[in-house]
Protein backbone atom coordinates (compact mmCIF):
# COMPACT_ATOMS: atom_id res chain seq x y z
CA PRO A 1 -0.64 20.70 -10.47
CA ALA A 2 2.20 18.55 -11.86
CA TYR A 3 0.34 15.36 -10.89
CA PHE A 4 -2.75 16.35 -12.91
CA GLU A 5 -0.67 17.56 -15.83
CA TYR A 6 1.27 14.27 -15.89
CA LEU A 7 -1.83 12.08 -15.65
CA SER A 8 -3.76 14.04 -18.26
CA LYS A 9 -0.84 13.69 -20.68
CA ALA A 10 -0.67 9.94 -19.99
CA PHE A 11 -4.43 9.55 -20.41
CA PHE A 12 -4.88 11.60 -23.60
CA HIS A 13 -1.78 10.19 -25.30
CA GLY A 14 -2.30 6.58 -24.19
CA LEU A 15 0.99 6.46 -22.26
CA PRO A 16 1.49 3.83 -19.56
CA THR A 17 1.92 4.93 -15.96
CA VAL A 18 2.05 3.24 -12.58
CA LEU A 19 0.74 6.32 -10.79
CA CYS A 20 -2.75 5.72 -9.43
CA LYS A 21 -5.56 7.98 -10.55
CA ILE A 22 -7.14 9.88 -7.69
CA VAL A 23 -10.89 9.37 -8.02
CA GLY A 24 -11.80 11.67 -5.15
CA VAL A 25 -10.71 13.14 -1.84
CA TYR A 26 -13.28 13.19 0.93
CA GLN A 27 -13.59 14.25 4.54
CA ILE A 28 -15.77 11.95 6.63
CA GLY A 29 -17.05 12.95 10.04
CA TYR A 30 -18.82 10.83 12.59
CA HIS A 31 -20.11 11.29 16.10
CA ASN A 32 -20.21 8.62 18.82
CA ARG A 33 -23.39 9.43 20.73
CA VAL A 34 -22.37 7.23 23.67
CA THR A 35 -19.01 8.87 24.36
CA GLY A 36 -19.77 12.22 22.72
CA ARG A 37 -16.55 11.99 20.73
CA ARG A 38 -16.49 13.51 17.25
CA THR A 39 -13.95 12.35 14.70
CA MET A 40 -12.97 13.59 11.24
CA GLU A 41 -11.03 11.49 8.75
CA GLN A 42 -9.65 12.44 5.34
CA VAL A 43 -9.81 9.73 2.70
CA ALA A 44 -8.28 9.59 -0.79
CA VAL A 45 -10.01 7.17 -3.16
CA MET A 46 -7.59 5.88 -5.78
CA GLN A 47 -7.69 3.53 -8.74
CA ASN A 48 -6.65 -0.07 -8.10
CA ILE A 49 -3.68 -0.52 -10.46
CA PHE A 50 -3.59 -4.26 -9.71
CA PHE A 51 -7.12 -4.93 -11.03
CA GLY A 52 -7.19 -7.85 -13.44
CA ARG A 53 -3.49 -8.61 -13.02
CA LYS A 54 -1.75 -11.58 -11.44
CA ILE A 55 0.76 -10.15 -8.99
CA SER A 56 3.84 -12.27 -8.22
CA LYS A 57 5.72 -9.84 -5.94
CA ILE A 58 4.67 -6.88 -3.82
CA PHE A 59 7.08 -4.28 -2.47
CA ASP A 60 6.12 -1.98 0.39
CA LEU A 61 7.60 1.37 -0.55
CA LYS A 62 5.79 3.54 1.98
CA GLY A 63 8.32 2.78 4.72
CA SER A 64 5.84 1.71 7.38
CA LEU A 65 6.66 -1.17 9.72
CA ARG A 66 2.96 -1.72 10.42
CA GLY A 67 1.74 -5.13 9.30
CA ARG A 68 5.13 -6.44 8.22
CA PHE A 69 5.63 -9.05 10.93
CA THR A 70 3.34 -11.75 12.30
CA ARG A 71 3.48 -14.55 14.81
CA GLN A 72 3.47 -18.03 13.28
CA GLY A 73 0.13 -18.90 14.91
CA ASN A 74 -1.61 -15.99 13.18
CA VAL A 75 -0.53 -16.82 9.63
CA GLU A 76 -3.58 -18.94 8.75
CA LYS A 77 -5.93 -16.43 10.39
CA GLU A 78 -4.38 -13.59 8.37
CA LYS A 79 -4.60 -15.59 5.13
CA LYS A 80 -8.33 -16.15 5.70
CA SER A 81 -8.86 -12.48 6.58
CA SER A 82 -6.93 -11.42 3.47
CA LYS A 83 -9.01 -13.75 1.31
CA LYS A 84 -12.25 -12.26 2.68
CA LYS A 85 -11.00 -8.74 1.90
CA GLU A 86 -10.04 -9.86 -1.60
CA GLN A 87 -13.52 -11.31 -2.17
CA ALA A 88 -15.06 -7.99 -1.11
CA LEU A 89 -13.24 -6.11 -3.87
CA PRO A 90 -15.37 -5.03 -6.83
CA GLN A 91 -15.39 -7.35 -9.82
CA GLU A 92 -15.33 -4.47 -12.31
CA GLN A 93 -12.79 -1.71 -12.65
CA ILE A 94 -13.89 1.87 -12.00
CA ARG A 95 -12.94 4.07 -14.92
């Protein structure tokens, strides 16, 4: 409740915030017919607060070690992969 109260106040009064807007929360289920395995995933779709901004520094505040380190030989491969993901992002902001 406090999240929605805070964001509605920011939205209706034109106040800046770095909290992302939650666009939707979904549960996605899929079934692998070969293995018979069923899987359910929960997904939160959030606003991209970096849209249209040039970012000079990024800080990972979530505390995960996943994806922080790489071997030198994989750096170029990861840069190309990152560029492809960036190109797949929408060119217009969802409001």
